[in-house]
Amino acid sequence: MCLAIPAEIIEVDPDSDTAQVALGGVVKEISLALVTDVTVGDYVLVHVGYALNKISQDEAEHTLALIREIGMLQDESGASDASDAGAGRSA
C-alpha cells in the first residue's frame, strides 16, 4: 500500500520545476513535474518525492490530523498527538 502525505509548499523553483515543502518540521525538495499552477502556501499530496496533485488547506489539515491521531506523524515539537501512539504495536 502506498501513502501520499499532504505538505505545504514553502518555496517554488520554476527553473528546475521543484519546490520545498514543509511537513512536521521537516523541509524536503520535491518535483512539481506532475502538477501545474501551484504556488507558495498551496498544499499538495506528496509521494516518493513527487507532488501528485493540489488539495485544499482544509483537506490537508483534516488528513494530517487523522495521521497524527493514529500516531504516524509527529507535530513540529516532535510529540505525537495520539495519547497512546505505541499501543498495539509490537517490536
PDB file of N, CA and C in Angstrom:
ATOM      1  N   MET A   1       0.845  -1.176   0.000  1.00  0.00           N
ATOM      2  CA  MET A   1       0.000   0.000   0.000  1.00  0.00           C
ATOM      3  C   MET A   1       0.887   1.234   0.000  1.00  0.00           C
ATOM      4  N   CYS A   2       0.506   2.226  -0.760  1.00  0.00           N
ATOM      5  CA  CYS A   2       1.246   3.480  -0.841  1.00  0.00           C
ATOM      6  C   CYS A   2       0.469   4.565  -0.128  1.00  0.00           C
ATOM      7  N   LEU A   3       1.204   5.540   0.377  1.00  0.00           N
ATOM      8  CA  LEU A   3       0.579   6.639   1.092  1.00  0.00           C
ATOM      9  C   LEU A   3       1.155   7.948   0.592  1.00  0.00           C
ATOM     10  N   ALA A   4       0.285   8.849   0.185  1.00  0.00           N
ATOM     11  CA  ALA A   4       0.687  10.207  -0.182  1.00  0.00           C
ATOM     12  C   ALA A   4       0.344  11.106   0.995  1.00  0.00           C
ATOM     13  N   ILE A   5       1.264  11.972   1.363  1.00  0.00           N
ATOM     14  CA  ILE A   5       1.130  12.827   2.534  1.00  0.00           C
ATOM     15  C   ILE A   5       0.924  14.279   2.093  1.00  0.00           C
ATOM     16  N   PRO A   6      -0.040  14.989   2.699  1.00  0.00           N
ATOM     17  CA  PRO A   6      -0.188  16.415   2.389  1.00  0.00           C
ATOM     18  C   PRO A   6       0.995  17.214   2.944  1.00  0.00           C
ATOM     19  N   ALA A   7       1.485  18.142   2.165  1.00  0.00           N
ATOM     20  CA  ALA A   7       2.567  19.017   2.606  1.00  0.00           C
ATOM     21  C   ALA A   7       2.348  20.403   2.020  1.00  0.00           C
ATOM     22  N   GLU A   8       2.806  21.410   2.760  1.00  0.00           N
ATOM     23  CA  GLU A   8       2.657  22.801   2.322  1.00  0.00           C
ATOM     24  C   GLU A   8       3.882  23.238   1.530  1.00  0.00           C
ATOM     25  N   ILE A   9       3.641  23.876   0.408  1.00  0.00           N
ATOM     26  CA  ILE A   9       4.733  24.414  -0.404  1.00  0.00           C
ATOM     27  C   ILE A   9       5.230  25.702   0.239  1.00  0.00           C
ATOM     28  N   ILE A  10       6.533  25.742   0.516  1.00  0.00           N
ATOM     29  CA  ILE A  10       7.106  26.936   1.135  1.00  0.00           C
ATOM     30  C   ILE A  10       8.030  27.698   0.194  1.00  0.00           C
ATOM     31  N   GLU A  11       8.422  27.064  -0.910  1.00  0.00           N
ATOM     32  CA  GLU A  11       9.273  27.736  -1.900  1.00  0.00           C
ATOM     33  C   GLU A  11       9.129  26.993  -3.224  1.00  0.00           C
ATOM     34  N   VAL A  12       9.092  27.738  -4.320  1.00  0.00           N
ATOM     35  CA  VAL A  12       8.981  27.143  -5.655  1.00  0.00           C
ATOM     36  C   VAL A  12      10.173  27.597  -6.486  1.00  0.00           C
ATOM     37  N   ASP A  13      10.782  26.656  -7.206  1.00  0.00           N
ATOM     38  CA  ASP A  13      11.857  26.966  -8.145  1.00  0.00           C
ATOM     39  C   ASP A  13      11.364  26.615  -9.552  1.00  0.00           C
ATOM     40  N   PRO A  14      10.828  27.602 -10.274  1.00  0.00           N
ATOM     41  CA  PRO A  14      10.270  27.312 -11.591  1.00  0.00           C
ATOM     42  C   PRO A  14      11.318  26.850 -12.603  1.00  0.00           C
ATOM     43  N   ASP A  15      12.574  27.222 -12.405  1.00  0.00           N
ATOM     44  CA  ASP A  15      13.627  26.816 -13.339  1.00  0.00           C
ATOM     45  C   ASP A  15      13.872  25.313 -13.320  1.00  0.00           C
ATOM     46  N   SER A  16      13.772  24.702 -12.126  1.00  0.00           N
ATOM     47  CA  SER A  16      14.014  23.266 -12.011  1.00  0.00           C
ATOM     48  C   SER A  16      12.730  22.470 -11.833  1.00  0.00           C
ATOM     49  N   ASP A  17      11.583  23.157 -11.822  1.00  0.00           N
ATOM     50  CA  ASP A  17      10.279  22.513 -11.633  1.00  0.00           C
ATOM     51  C   ASP A  17      10.242  21.707 -10.330  1.00  0.00           C
ATOM     52  N   THR A  18      10.807  22.325  -9.277  1.00  0.00           N
ATOM     53  CA  THR A  18      10.818  21.711  -7.954  1.00  0.00           C
ATOM     54  C   THR A  18      10.268  22.695  -6.927  1.00  0.00           C
ATOM     55  N   ALA A  19      10.019  22.172  -5.733  1.00  0.00           N
ATOM     56  CA  ALA A  19       9.547  23.014  -4.638  1.00  0.00           C
ATOM     57  C   ALA A  19      10.099  22.484  -3.338  1.00  0.00           C
ATOM     58  N   GLN A  20      10.167  23.359  -2.348  1.00  0.00           N
ATOM     59  CA  GLN A  20      10.460  22.955  -0.982  1.00  0.00           C
ATOM     60  C   GLN A  20       9.117  22.847  -0.278  1.00  0.00           C
ATOM     61  N   VAL A  21       8.900  21.747   0.439  1.00  0.00           N
ATOM     62  CA  VAL A  21       7.671  21.576   1.202  1.00  0.00           C
ATOM     63  C   VAL A  21       8.023  21.363   2.666  1.00  0.00           C
ATOM     64  N   ALA A  22       7.087  21.727   3.537  1.00  0.00           N
ATOM     65  CA  ALA A  22       7.272  21.557   4.971  1.00  0.00           C
ATOM     66  C   ALA A  22       6.221  20.591   5.491  1.00  0.00           C
ATOM     67  N   LEU A  23       6.677  19.679   6.342  1.00  0.00           N
ATOM     68  CA  LEU A  23       5.772  18.725   6.959  1.00  0.00           C
ATOM     69  C   LEU A  23       6.344  18.317   8.309  1.00  0.00           C
ATOM     70  N   GLY A  24       5.656  18.695   9.365  1.00  0.00           N
ATOM     71  CA  GLY A  24       6.085  18.300  10.707  1.00  0.00           C
ATOM     72  C   GLY A  24       7.487  18.756  11.057  1.00  0.00           C
ATOM     73  N   GLY A  25       7.878  19.934  10.618  1.00  0.00           N
ATOM     74  CA  GLY A  25       9.203  20.451  10.931  1.00  0.00           C
ATOM     75  C   GLY A  25      10.292  19.992   9.975  1.00  0.00           C
ATOM     76  N   VAL A  26       9.960  19.148   9.015  1.00  0.00           N
ATOM     77  CA  VAL A  26      10.920  18.657   8.028  1.00  0.00           C
ATOM     78  C   VAL A  26      10.678  19.402   6.724  1.00  0.00           C
ATOM     79  N   VAL A  27      11.777  19.852   6.107  1.00  0.00           N
ATOM     80  CA  VAL A  27      11.697  20.507   4.805  1.00  0.00           C
ATOM     81  C   VAL A  27      12.323  19.565   3.785  1.00  0.00           C
ATOM     82  N   LYS A  28      11.623  19.372   2.664  1.00  0.00           N
ATOM     83  CA  LYS A  28      12.071  18.430   1.640  1.00  0.00           C
ATOM     84  C   LYS A  28      11.866  19.040   0.270  1.00  0.00           C
ATOM     85  N   GLU A  29      12.779  18.734  -0.647  1.00  0.00           N
ATOM     86  CA  GLU A  29      12.621  19.162  -2.024  1.00  0.00           C
ATOM     87  C   GLU A  29      11.844  18.091  -2.778  1.00  0.00           C
ATOM     88  N   ILE A  30      10.838  18.538  -3.544  1.00  0.00           N
ATOM     89  CA  ILE A  30      10.029  17.613  -4.322  1.00  0.00           C
ATOM     90  C   ILE A  30       9.923  18.089  -5.763  1.00  0.00           C
ATOM     91  N   SER A  31       9.538  17.190  -6.640  1.00  0.00           N
ATOM     92  CA  SER A  31       9.313  17.523  -8.043  1.00  0.00           C
ATOM     93  C   SER A  31       7.882  18.003  -8.246  1.00  0.00           C
ATOM     94  N   LEU A  32       7.743  19.006  -9.097  1.00  0.00           N
ATOM     95  CA  LEU A  32       6.423  19.510  -9.483  1.00  0.00           C
ATOM     96  C   LEU A  32       6.061  19.073 -10.899  1.00  0.00           C
ATOM     97  N   ALA A  33       6.760  18.079 -11.432  1.00  0.00           N
ATOM     98  CA  ALA A  33       6.564  17.651 -12.813  1.00  0.00           C
ATOM     99  C   ALA A  33       5.152  17.160 -13.105  1.00  0.00           C
ATOM    100  N   LEU A  34       4.430  16.688 -12.085  1.00  0.00           N
ATOM    101  CA  LEU A  34       3.103  16.106 -12.301  1.00  0.00           C
ATOM    102  C   LEU A  34       1.948  17.051 -11.986  1.00  0.00           C
ATOM    103  N   VAL A  35       2.259  18.271 -11.548  1.00  0.00           N
ATOM    104  CA  VAL A  35       1.206  19.226 -11.191  1.00  0.00           C
ATOM    105  C   VAL A  35       1.454  20.561 -11.892  1.00  0.00           C
ATOM    106  N   THR A  36       0.401  21.347 -11.986  1.00  0.00           N
ATOM    107  CA  THR A  36       0.526  22.681 -12.574  1.00  0.00           C
ATOM    108  C   THR A  36      -0.116  23.693 -11.641  1.00  0.00           C
ATOM    109  N   ASP A  37       0.269  24.924 -11.807  1.00  0.00           N
ATOM    110  CA  ASP A  37      -0.366  26.040 -11.109  1.00  0.00           C
ATOM    111  C   ASP A  37      -0.328  25.908  -9.583  1.00  0.00           C
ATOM    112  N   VAL A  38       0.851  25.618  -9.030  1.00  0.00           N
ATOM    113  CA  VAL A  38       0.997  25.613  -7.573  1.00  0.00           C
ATOM    114  C   VAL A  38       1.888  26.774  -7.167  1.00  0.00           C
ATOM    115  N   THR A  39       1.568  27.362  -6.020  1.00  0.00           N
ATOM    116  CA  THR A  39       2.320  28.496  -5.515  1.00  0.00           C
ATOM    117  C   THR A  39       2.618  28.288  -4.039  1.00  0.00           C
ATOM    118  N   VAL A  40       3.461  29.138  -3.501  1.00  0.00           N
ATOM    119  CA  VAL A  40       3.785  29.106  -2.079  1.00  0.00           C
ATOM    120  C   VAL A  40       2.488  29.223  -1.275  1.00  0.00           C
ATOM    121  N   GLY A  41       2.349  28.355  -0.287  1.00  0.00           N
ATOM    122  CA  GLY A  41       1.153  28.343   0.547  1.00  0.00           C
ATOM    123  C   GLY A  41       0.150  27.281   0.152  1.00  0.00           C
ATOM    124  N   ASP A  42       0.272  26.757  -1.075  1.00  0.00           N
ATOM    125  CA  ASP A  42      -0.615  25.674  -1.507  1.00  0.00           C
ATOM    126  C   ASP A  42      -0.218  24.371  -0.812  1.00  0.00           C
ATOM    127  N   TYR A  43      -1.170  23.460  -0.764  1.00  0.00           N
ATOM    128  CA  TYR A  43      -0.911  22.116  -0.243  1.00  0.00           C
ATOM    129  C   TYR A  43      -0.983  21.126  -1.388  1.00  0.00           C
ATOM    130  N   VAL A  44      -0.066  20.156  -1.369  1.00  0.00           N
ATOM    131  CA  VAL A  44      -0.034  19.102  -2.374  1.00  0.00           C
ATOM    132  C   VAL A  44       0.088  17.758  -1.683  1.00  0.00           C
ATOM    133  N   LEU A  45      -0.368  16.716  -2.369  1.00  0.00           N
ATOM    134  CA  LEU A  45      -0.139  15.358  -1.892  1.00  0.00           C
ATOM    135  C   LEU A  45       1.204  14.920  -2.434  1.00  0.00           C
ATOM    136  N   VAL A  46       2.095  14.457  -1.540  1.00  0.00           N
ATOM    137  CA  VAL A  46       3.457  14.093  -1.918  1.00  0.00           C
ATOM    138  C   VAL A  46       3.642  12.587  -1.748  1.00  0.00           C
ATOM    139  N   HIS A  47       4.178  11.969  -2.790  1.00  0.00           N
ATOM    140  CA  HIS A  47       4.508  10.541  -2.744  1.00  0.00           C
ATOM    141  C   HIS A  47       5.842  10.343  -3.443  1.00  0.00           C
ATOM    142  N   VAL A  48       6.765   9.699  -2.775  1.00  0.00           N
ATOM    143  CA  VAL A  48       8.129   9.414  -3.250  1.00  0.00           C
ATOM    144  C   VAL A  48       8.780  10.590  -3.976  1.00  0.00           C
ATOM    145  N   GLY A  49       8.651  11.775  -3.394  1.00  0.00           N
ATOM    146  CA  GLY A  49       9.335  12.946  -3.916  1.00  0.00           C
ATOM    147  C   GLY A  49       8.627  13.690  -5.025  1.00  0.00           C
ATOM    148  N   TYR A  50       7.394  13.306  -5.326  1.00  0.00           N
ATOM    149  CA  TYR A  50       6.618  13.972  -6.362  1.00  0.00           C
ATOM    150  C   TYR A  50       5.316  14.515  -5.787  1.00  0.00           C
ATOM    151  N   ALA A  51       4.966  15.726  -6.183  1.00  0.00           N
ATOM    152  CA  ALA A  51       3.642  16.253  -5.873  1.00  0.00           C
ATOM    153  C   ALA A  51       2.680  15.604  -6.861  1.00  0.00           C
ATOM    154  N   LEU A  52       1.664  14.921  -6.327  1.00  0.00           N
ATOM    155  CA  LEU A  52       0.714  14.219  -7.198  1.00  0.00           C
ATOM    156  C   LEU A  52      -0.444  15.106  -7.619  1.00  0.00           C
ATOM    157  N   ASN A  53      -0.948  15.903  -6.682  1.00  0.00           N
ATOM    158  CA  ASN A  53      -1.994  16.865  -7.009  1.00  0.00           C
ATOM    159  C   ASN A  53      -2.145  17.887  -5.898  1.00  0.00           C
ATOM    160  N   LYS A  54      -2.760  18.990  -6.246  1.00  0.00           N
ATOM    161  CA  LYS A  54      -3.006  20.079  -5.303  1.00  0.00           C
ATOM    162  C   LYS A  54      -4.299  19.779  -4.546  1.00  0.00           C
ATOM    163  N   ILE A  55      -4.310  20.074  -3.229  1.00  0.00           N
ATOM    164  CA  ILE A  55      -5.503  19.873  -2.419  1.00  0.00           C
ATOM    165  C   ILE A  55      -5.759  21.134  -1.595  1.00  0.00           C
ATOM    166  N   SER A  56      -6.959  21.221  -1.043  1.00  0.00           N
ATOM    167  CA  SER A  56      -7.305  22.394  -0.239  1.00  0.00           C
ATOM    168  C   SER A  56      -6.602  22.330   1.119  1.00  0.00           C
ATOM    169  N   GLN A  57      -6.456  23.480   1.746  1.00  0.00           N
ATOM    170  CA  GLN A  57      -5.866  23.536   3.079  1.00  0.00           C
ATOM    171  C   GLN A  57      -6.718  22.747   4.070  1.00  0.00           C
ATOM    172  N   ASP A  58      -8.035  22.849   3.963  1.00  0.00           N
ATOM    173  CA  ASP A  58      -8.924  22.104   4.867  1.00  0.00           C
ATOM    174  C   ASP A  58      -8.715  20.599   4.733  1.00  0.00           C
ATOM    175  N   GLU A  59      -8.645  20.111   3.494  1.00  0.00           N
ATOM    176  CA  GLU A  59      -8.436  18.678   3.274  1.00  0.00           C
ATOM    177  C   GLU A  59      -7.077  18.242   3.817  1.00  0.00           C
ATOM    178  N   ALA A  60      -6.046  19.067   3.593  1.00  0.00           N
ATOM    179  CA  ALA A  60      -4.708  18.744   4.089  1.00  0.00           C
ATOM    180  C   ALA A  60      -4.696  18.682   5.614  1.00  0.00           C
ATOM    181  N   GLU A  61      -5.279  19.678   6.263  1.00  0.00           N
ATOM    182  CA  GLU A  61      -5.285  19.701   7.730  1.00  0.00           C
ATOM    183  C   GLU A  61      -6.075  18.537   8.309  1.00  0.00           C
ATOM    184  N   HIS A  62      -7.193  18.193   7.687  1.00  0.00           N
ATOM    185  CA  HIS A  62      -8.000  17.064   8.154  1.00  0.00           C
ATOM    186  C   HIS A  62      -7.218  15.753   8.025  1.00  0.00           C
ATOM    187  N   THR A  63      -6.572  15.552   6.889  1.00  0.00           N
ATOM    188  CA  THR A  63      -5.791  14.337   6.666  1.00  0.00           C
ATOM    189  C   THR A  63      -4.615  14.252   7.632  1.00  0.00           C
ATOM    190  N   LEU A  64      -3.908  15.355   7.834  1.00  0.00           N
ATOM    191  CA  LEU A  64      -2.777  15.353   8.760  1.00  0.00           C
ATOM    192  C   LEU A  64      -3.233  15.084  10.191  1.00  0.00           C
ATOM    193  N   ALA A  65      -4.396  15.608  10.575  1.00  0.00           N
ATOM    194  CA  ALA A  65      -4.931  15.340  11.913  1.00  0.00           C
ATOM    195  C   ALA A  65      -5.227  13.859  12.083  1.00  0.00           C
ATOM    196  N   LEU A  66      -5.778  13.225  11.070  1.00  0.00           N
ATOM    197  CA  LEU A  66      -6.051  11.788  11.139  1.00  0.00           C
ATOM    198  C   LEU A  66      -4.758  10.981  11.244  1.00  0.00           C
ATOM    199  N   ILE A  67      -3.750  11.370  10.491  1.00  0.00           N
ATOM    200  CA  ILE A  67      -2.468  10.673  10.540  1.00  0.00           C
ATOM    201  C   ILE A  67      -1.831  10.840  11.915  1.00  0.00           C
ATOM    202  N   ARG A  68      -1.906  12.050  12.485  1.00  0.00           N
ATOM    203  CA  ARG A  68      -1.382  12.270  13.839  1.00  0.00           C
ATOM    204  C   ARG A  68      -2.151  11.439  14.869  1.00  0.00           C
ATOM    205  N   GLU A  69      -3.462  11.349  14.675  1.00  0.00           N
ATOM    206  CA  GLU A  69      -4.316  10.614  15.616  1.00  0.00           C
ATOM    207  C   GLU A  69      -3.912   9.145  15.720  1.00  0.00           C
ATOM    208  N   ILE A  70      -3.485   8.558  14.621  1.00  0.00           N
ATOM    209  CA  ILE A  70      -3.071   7.153  14.679  1.00  0.00           C
ATOM    210  C   ILE A  70      -1.597   7.011  15.048  1.00  0.00           C
ATOM    211  N   GLY A  71      -0.943   8.140  15.306  1.00  0.00           N
ATOM    212  CA  GLY A  71       0.433   8.109  15.788  1.00  0.00           C
ATOM    213  C   GLY A  71       1.486   7.948  14.724  1.00  0.00           C
ATOM    214  N   MET A  72       1.136   8.217  13.484  1.00  0.00           N
ATOM    215  CA  MET A  72       2.078   8.032  12.392  1.00  0.00           C
ATOM    216  C   MET A  72       2.797   9.320  11.974  1.00  0.00           C
ATOM    217  N   LEU A  73       2.484  10.433  12.624  1.00  0.00           N
ATOM    218  CA  LEU A  73       3.104  11.709  12.289  1.00  0.00           C
ATOM    219  C   LEU A  73       3.241  12.519  13.557  1.00  0.00           C
ATOM    220  N   GLN A  74       4.398  13.153  13.710  1.00  0.00           N
ATOM    221  CA  GLN A  74       4.622  13.991  14.877  1.00  0.00           C
ATOM    222  C   GLN A  74       4.406  15.442  14.503  1.00  0.00           C
ATOM    223  N   ASP A  75       4.023  16.250  15.518  1.00  0.00           N
ATOM    224  CA  ASP A  75       3.922  17.682  15.260  1.00  0.00           C
ATOM    225  C   ASP A  75       5.330  18.265  15.263  1.00  0.00           C
ATOM    226  N   GLU A  76       5.456  19.570  15.067  1.00  0.00           N
ATOM    227  CA  GLU A  76       6.775  20.183  14.943  1.00  0.00           C
ATOM    228  C   GLU A  76       7.599  20.106  16.219  1.00  0.00           C
ATOM    229  N   SER A  77       6.970  19.892  17.386  1.00  0.00           N
ATOM    230  CA  SER A  77       7.723  19.762  18.634  1.00  0.00           C
ATOM    231  C   SER A  77       8.290  18.366  18.794  1.00  0.00           C
ATOM    232  N   GLY A  78       7.873  17.430  17.907  1.00  0.00           N
ATOM    233  CA  GLY A  78       8.347  16.066  17.998  1.00  0.00           C
ATOM    234  C   GLY A  78       7.397  15.158  18.743  1.00  0.00           C
ATOM    235  N   ALA A  79       6.298  15.697  19.263  1.00  0.00           N
ATOM    236  CA  ALA A  79       5.335  14.900  20.008  1.00  0.00           C
ATOM    237  C   ALA A  79       4.192  14.470  19.104  1.00  0.00           C
ATOM    238  N   SER A  80       3.746  13.249  19.283  1.00  0.00           N
ATOM    239  CA  SER A  80       2.593  12.754  18.547  1.00  0.00           C
ATOM    240  C   SER A  80       1.337  13.247  19.219  1.00  0.00           C
ATOM    241  N   ASP A  81       0.287  13.521  18.441  1.00  0.00           N
ATOM    242  CA  ASP A  81      -0.993  13.925  19.010  1.00  0.00           C
ATOM    243  C   ASP A  81      -1.745  12.754  19.612  1.00  0.00           C
ATOM    244  N   ALA A  82      -1.372  11.525  19.264  1.00  0.00           N
ATOM    245  CA  ALA A  82      -2.073  10.364  19.795  1.00  0.00           C
ATOM    246  C   ALA A  82      -1.613  10.116  21.216  1.00  0.00           C
ATOM    247  N   SER A  83      -2.569   9.898  22.129  1.00  0.00           N
ATOM    248  CA  SER A  83      -2.218   9.685  23.531  1.00  0.00           C
ATOM    249  C   SER A  83      -1.580   8.340  23.764  1.00  0.00           C
ATOM    250  N   ASP A  84      -1.876   7.357  22.929  1.00  0.00           N
ATOM    251  CA  ASP A  84      -1.278   6.031  23.100  1.00  0.00           C
ATOM    252  C   ASP A  84      -0.687   5.562  21.771  1.00  0.00           C
ATOM    253  N   ALA A  85       0.193   6.373  21.213  1.00  0.00           N
ATOM    254  CA  ALA A  85       0.724   6.117  19.892  1.00  0.00           C
ATOM    255  C   ALA A  85       1.387   4.753  19.778  1.00  0.00           C
ATOM    256  N   GLY A  86       1.941   4.244  20.859  1.00  0.00           N
ATOM    257  CA  GLY A  86       2.617   2.957  20.792  1.00  0.00           C
ATOM    258  C   GLY A  86       1.722   1.781  21.096  1.00  0.00           C
ATOM    259  N   ALA A  87       0.511   2.022  21.493  1.00  0.00           N
ATOM    260  CA  ALA A  87      -0.392   0.925  21.863  1.00  0.00           C
ATOM    261  C   ALA A  87      -0.676   0.045  20.657  1.00  0.00           C
ATOM    262  N   GLY A  88      -0.612  -1.256  20.877  1.00  0.00           N
ATOM    263  CA  GLY A  88      -0.931  -2.195  19.821  1.00  0.00           C
ATOM    264  C   GLY A  88       0.195  -2.463  18.862  1.00  0.00           C
ATOM    265  N   ARG A  89       1.342  -1.833  19.049  1.00  0.00           N
ATOM    266  CA  ARG A  89       2.479  -2.073  18.179  1.00  0.00           C
ATOM    267  C   ARG A  89       3.376  -3.114  18.812  1.00  0.00           C
ATOM    268  N   SER A  90       3.962  -3.946  17.990  1.00  0.00           N
ATOM    269  CA  SER A  90       4.916  -4.925  18.509  1.00  0.00           C
ATOM    270  C   SER A  90       6.294  -4.580  18.014  1.00  0.00           C
ATOM    271  N   ALA A  91       7.291  -4.989  18.755  1.00  0.00           N
ATOM    272  CA  ALA A  91       8.674  -4.658  18.399  1.00  0.00           C
ATOM    273  C   ALA A  91       9.227  -5.573  17.364  1.00  0.00           C
TER     274      ALA A  91
END
